[in-house]
N, C-alpha and C. Protein backbone atom coordinates (compact mmCIF):
# COMPACT_ATOMS: atom_id res chain seq x y z
N UNK A 1 -62.30 -168.74 40.72
CA UNK A 1 -63.07 -169.44 40.15
C UNK A 1 -62.98 -168.52 38.63
N UNK A 2 -63.20 -169.27 37.50
CA UNK A 2 -63.25 -168.87 35.88
C UNK A 2 -64.05 -167.66 35.45
N UNK A 3 -63.97 -166.96 34.75
CA UNK A 3 -64.90 -166.32 34.07
C UNK A 3 -65.80 -167.03 32.92
N UNK A 4 -65.37 -167.89 32.60
CA UNK A 4 -65.56 -168.42 31.29
C UNK A 4 -66.09 -169.93 31.88
N UNK A 5 -67.31 -170.37 31.52
CA UNK A 5 -67.49 -171.49 31.05
C UNK A 5 -67.18 -172.49 30.12
N UNK A 6 -67.35 -173.45 30.16
CA UNK A 6 -66.96 -174.09 28.91
C UNK A 6 -66.69 -174.10 27.50
N UNK A 7 -68.10 -173.73 26.97
CA UNK A 7 -68.85 -173.69 25.70
C UNK A 7 -68.19 -172.08 25.35
N UNK A 8 -67.68 -170.71 26.51
CA UNK A 8 -67.25 -169.31 25.92
C UNK A 8 -65.72 -169.86 25.92
N UNK A 9 -65.26 -171.00 26.74
CA UNK A 9 -63.85 -171.05 26.73
C UNK A 9 -63.53 -171.96 25.64
N UNK A 10 -64.10 -172.67 24.88
CA UNK A 10 -63.70 -173.53 23.50
C UNK A 10 -64.06 -172.72 22.50
N UNK A 11 -65.28 -171.69 22.60
CA UNK A 11 -65.46 -170.71 21.43
C UNK A 11 -63.93 -170.05 21.13
N UNK A 12 -63.76 -169.23 22.70
CA UNK A 12 -62.38 -168.49 22.36
C UNK A 12 -61.26 -169.18 21.82
N UNK A 13 -60.87 -170.43 22.40
CA UNK A 13 -59.83 -170.98 21.60
C UNK A 13 -59.84 -171.18 20.31
N UNK A 14 -61.11 -171.78 19.96
CA UNK A 14 -61.22 -171.79 18.22
C UNK A 14 -61.22 -170.69 17.28
N UNK A 15 -61.47 -169.62 18.01
CA UNK A 15 -60.96 -168.13 17.50
C UNK A 15 -59.92 -167.84 17.11
N UNK A 16 -58.82 -168.34 18.61
CA UNK A 16 -57.68 -167.97 18.58
C UNK A 16 -57.17 -168.94 17.87
N UNK A 17 -57.22 -170.43 17.72
CA UNK A 17 -56.85 -171.19 16.50
C UNK A 17 -56.81 -170.48 15.59
N UNK A 18 -57.90 -170.27 14.69
CA UNK A 18 -58.12 -169.74 13.09
C UNK A 18 -57.33 -168.53 13.31
N UNK A 19 -57.20 -167.48 14.29
CA UNK A 19 -56.14 -166.35 13.87
C UNK A 19 -55.13 -166.57 13.82
N UNK A 20 -54.37 -167.46 14.46
CA UNK A 20 -53.16 -167.95 14.73
C UNK A 20 -52.71 -168.71 13.03
N UNK A 21 -53.60 -169.56 12.30
CA UNK A 21 -53.48 -170.62 11.18
C UNK A 21 -53.79 -169.46 10.43
N UNK A 22 -54.03 -168.32 10.40
CA UNK A 22 -54.30 -167.62 9.50
C UNK A 22 -52.36 -167.03 9.07
N UNK A 23 -51.85 -166.92 10.21
CA UNK A 23 -50.38 -166.12 9.86
C UNK A 23 -50.33 -164.76 9.51
N UNK A 24 -51.00 -164.12 9.74
CA UNK A 24 -50.98 -162.67 9.67
C UNK A 24 -50.55 -161.81 11.00
N UNK A 25 -50.01 -162.33 11.68
CA UNK A 25 -49.88 -161.27 12.74
C UNK A 25 -48.02 -161.36 13.24
N UNK A 26 -48.07 -160.52 13.39
CA UNK A 26 -46.54 -160.21 14.43
C UNK A 26 -46.57 -161.15 15.26
N UNK A 27 -45.07 -161.45 15.15
CA UNK A 27 -44.40 -162.66 16.04
C UNK A 27 -45.29 -162.23 17.82
N UNK A 28 -45.07 -160.90 18.42
CA UNK A 28 -45.38 -160.79 19.51
C UNK A 28 -46.88 -161.09 19.73
N UNK A 29 -47.86 -160.53 18.96
CA UNK A 29 -48.70 -160.58 18.97
C UNK A 29 -49.40 -162.32 18.85
N UNK A 30 -48.79 -163.06 17.62
CA UNK A 30 -49.08 -164.48 18.24
C UNK A 30 -48.73 -165.07 19.04
N UNK A 31 -47.63 -164.76 19.81
CA UNK A 31 -47.12 -165.00 21.40
C UNK A 31 -47.81 -164.99 21.83
N UNK A 32 -48.99 -163.85 22.27
CA UNK A 32 -49.81 -163.32 23.07
C UNK A 32 -50.96 -164.35 23.31
N UNK A 33 -51.58 -164.68 21.71
CA UNK A 33 -52.38 -165.09 21.37
C UNK A 33 -52.15 -166.89 22.14
N UNK A 34 -50.74 -167.31 21.37
CA UNK A 34 -50.54 -168.40 21.77
C UNK A 34 -50.66 -168.99 23.40
N UNK A 35 -50.34 -167.93 24.11
CA UNK A 35 -50.60 -168.03 25.41
C UNK A 35 -52.19 -168.21 26.12
N UNK A 36 -52.76 -166.72 25.75
CA UNK A 36 -54.19 -167.04 25.60
C UNK A 36 -54.62 -168.26 25.44
N UNK A 37 -54.34 -168.99 24.26
CA UNK A 37 -55.36 -170.01 23.71
C UNK A 37 -54.89 -171.02 24.86
N UNK A 38 -53.57 -171.37 25.37
CA UNK A 38 -52.99 -172.17 26.35
C UNK A 38 -53.88 -172.14 27.71
N UNK A 39 -54.12 -170.94 28.09
CA UNK A 39 -54.70 -170.75 28.97
C UNK A 39 -56.10 -171.35 28.77
N UNK A 40 -57.12 -171.20 27.46
CA UNK A 40 -58.33 -171.52 27.30
C UNK A 40 -58.29 -172.89 27.36
N UNK A 41 -57.72 -173.62 26.72
CA UNK A 41 -57.25 -175.07 26.68
C UNK A 41 -57.03 -175.84 28.44
N UNK A 42 -56.73 -174.99 29.18
CA UNK A 42 -56.58 -175.21 30.61
C UNK A 42 -58.02 -175.15 31.17
N UNK A 43 -58.51 -174.41 30.86
CA UNK A 43 -59.89 -174.12 31.50
C UNK A 43 -60.87 -175.35 31.08
N UNK A 44 -60.88 -175.87 29.46
CA UNK A 44 -61.97 -176.74 29.08
C UNK A 44 -61.39 -177.60 29.72
N UNK A 45 -60.14 -178.11 29.88
CA UNK A 45 -59.57 -179.64 30.27
C UNK A 45 -59.99 -179.78 31.89
N UNK A 46 -59.88 -178.34 32.64
CA UNK A 46 -60.25 -178.50 33.98
C UNK A 46 -61.87 -178.65 34.36
N UNK A 47 -62.25 -177.73 33.30
CA UNK A 47 -63.97 -178.35 33.73
C UNK A 47 -64.38 -179.32 32.94
N UNK A 48 -63.83 -179.70 31.83
CA UNK A 48 -64.23 -181.40 31.72
C UNK A 48 -63.97 -182.53 32.56
N UNK A 49 -62.52 -182.38 33.05
CA UNK A 49 -62.43 -183.39 34.41
C UNK A 49 -63.27 -183.22 35.67
N UNK A 50 -63.33 -181.99 35.87
CA UNK A 50 -64.80 -181.94 36.95
C UNK A 50 -65.95 -182.04 36.56
N UNK A 51 -66.35 -182.51 35.37
CA UNK A 51 -67.60 -182.95 35.00
C UNK A 51 -67.36 -184.09 35.21
N UNK A 52 -66.13 -184.85 34.39
CA UNK A 52 -66.43 -185.99 34.67
C UNK A 52 -66.24 -186.56 35.87
N UNK A 53 -65.94 -186.32 36.99
CA UNK A 53 -65.70 -186.39 38.42
C UNK A 53 -67.21 -186.93 38.89
N UNK A 54 -68.33 -185.59 38.26
CA UNK A 54 -69.61 -185.75 38.85
C UNK A 54 -70.62 -186.80 38.34
N UNK A 55 -70.23 -187.40 37.25
CA UNK A 55 -71.00 -188.42 36.07
C UNK A 55 -70.91 -189.61 37.17
N UNK A 56 -72.05 -190.41 37.31
CA UNK A 56 -72.33 -191.43 38.14
C UNK A 56 -72.90 -192.17 37.43
N UNK A 57 -73.57 -193.38 37.62
CA UNK A 57 -74.39 -194.20 37.64
C UNK A 57 -75.12 -194.75 38.51
N UNK A 58 -76.87 -195.33 38.01
CA UNK A 58 -77.01 -195.96 39.44
C UNK A 58 -77.33 -197.18 38.97
N UNK A 59 -77.25 -198.35 39.83
CA UNK A 59 -76.65 -199.91 39.39
C UNK A 59 -78.06 -200.92 40.31
N UNK A 60 -78.79 -201.70 39.78
CA UNK A 60 -79.79 -202.23 40.67
C UNK A 60 -79.04 -203.43 41.35
N UNK A 61 -79.10 -203.44 42.61
CA UNK A 61 -78.08 -204.25 43.40
C UNK A 61 -78.56 -205.16 44.48
N UNK A 62 -79.55 -206.22 44.02
CA UNK A 62 -80.52 -206.88 44.69
C UNK A 62 -81.45 -206.38 45.23
N UNK A 63 -82.16 -205.17 44.07
CA UNK A 63 -83.06 -204.71 44.49
C UNK A 63 -83.24 -203.57 45.16
N UNK A 64 -81.60 -203.17 45.19
CA UNK A 64 -81.64 -201.75 46.05
C UNK A 64 -80.35 -200.69 44.82
N UNK A 65 -81.03 -199.79 44.84
CA UNK A 65 -80.12 -199.02 43.66
C UNK A 65 -79.27 -198.15 44.69
N UNK A 66 -78.24 -198.52 44.17
CA UNK A 66 -76.58 -198.09 44.58
C UNK A 66 -76.06 -197.06 43.32
N UNK A 67 -75.37 -196.34 43.97
CA UNK A 67 -74.62 -195.12 42.90
C UNK A 67 -72.83 -195.31 42.98
N UNK A 68 -72.75 -196.16 41.29
CA UNK A 68 -71.26 -196.48 41.00
C UNK A 68 -70.48 -195.08 39.98
N UNK A 69 -69.64 -195.02 40.12
CA UNK A 69 -68.39 -194.47 39.05
C UNK A 69 -68.75 -194.52 37.79
N UNK A 70 -69.19 -194.03 36.59
CA UNK A 70 -69.07 -194.24 35.46
C UNK A 70 -68.22 -194.26 34.95
N UNK A 71 -67.96 -195.47 34.33
CA UNK A 71 -66.43 -195.52 33.46
C UNK A 71 -66.67 -195.85 32.23
N UNK A 72 -66.45 -194.97 31.40
CA UNK A 72 -66.75 -194.90 29.57
C UNK A 72 -66.21 -196.42 29.44
N UNK A 73 -64.93 -196.60 29.42
CA UNK A 73 -64.58 -197.86 28.75
C UNK A 73 -65.10 -199.23 28.86
N UNK A 74 -66.07 -199.22 29.92
CA UNK A 74 -66.67 -200.08 30.74
C UNK A 74 -68.14 -200.07 30.04
N UNK A 75 -68.76 -199.43 30.12
CA UNK A 75 -69.87 -198.85 29.73
C UNK A 75 -70.24 -198.53 28.25
């Protein structure tokens, strides 16, 4: 399990992007930060994917509440 939650990983990713965009680092440091940025992106992406799997909705079907998967395109 990652030591990062979504907010922490996203903030770290933003920090890395700003540093890389400044363009003032040596190549080896830029590559190290790029790799760390990819790691933060994957953490964020994975956490969002897990959250999406947990989202459901309750629907009234003939007076009975049932749980259905939540689909953004449909709702």
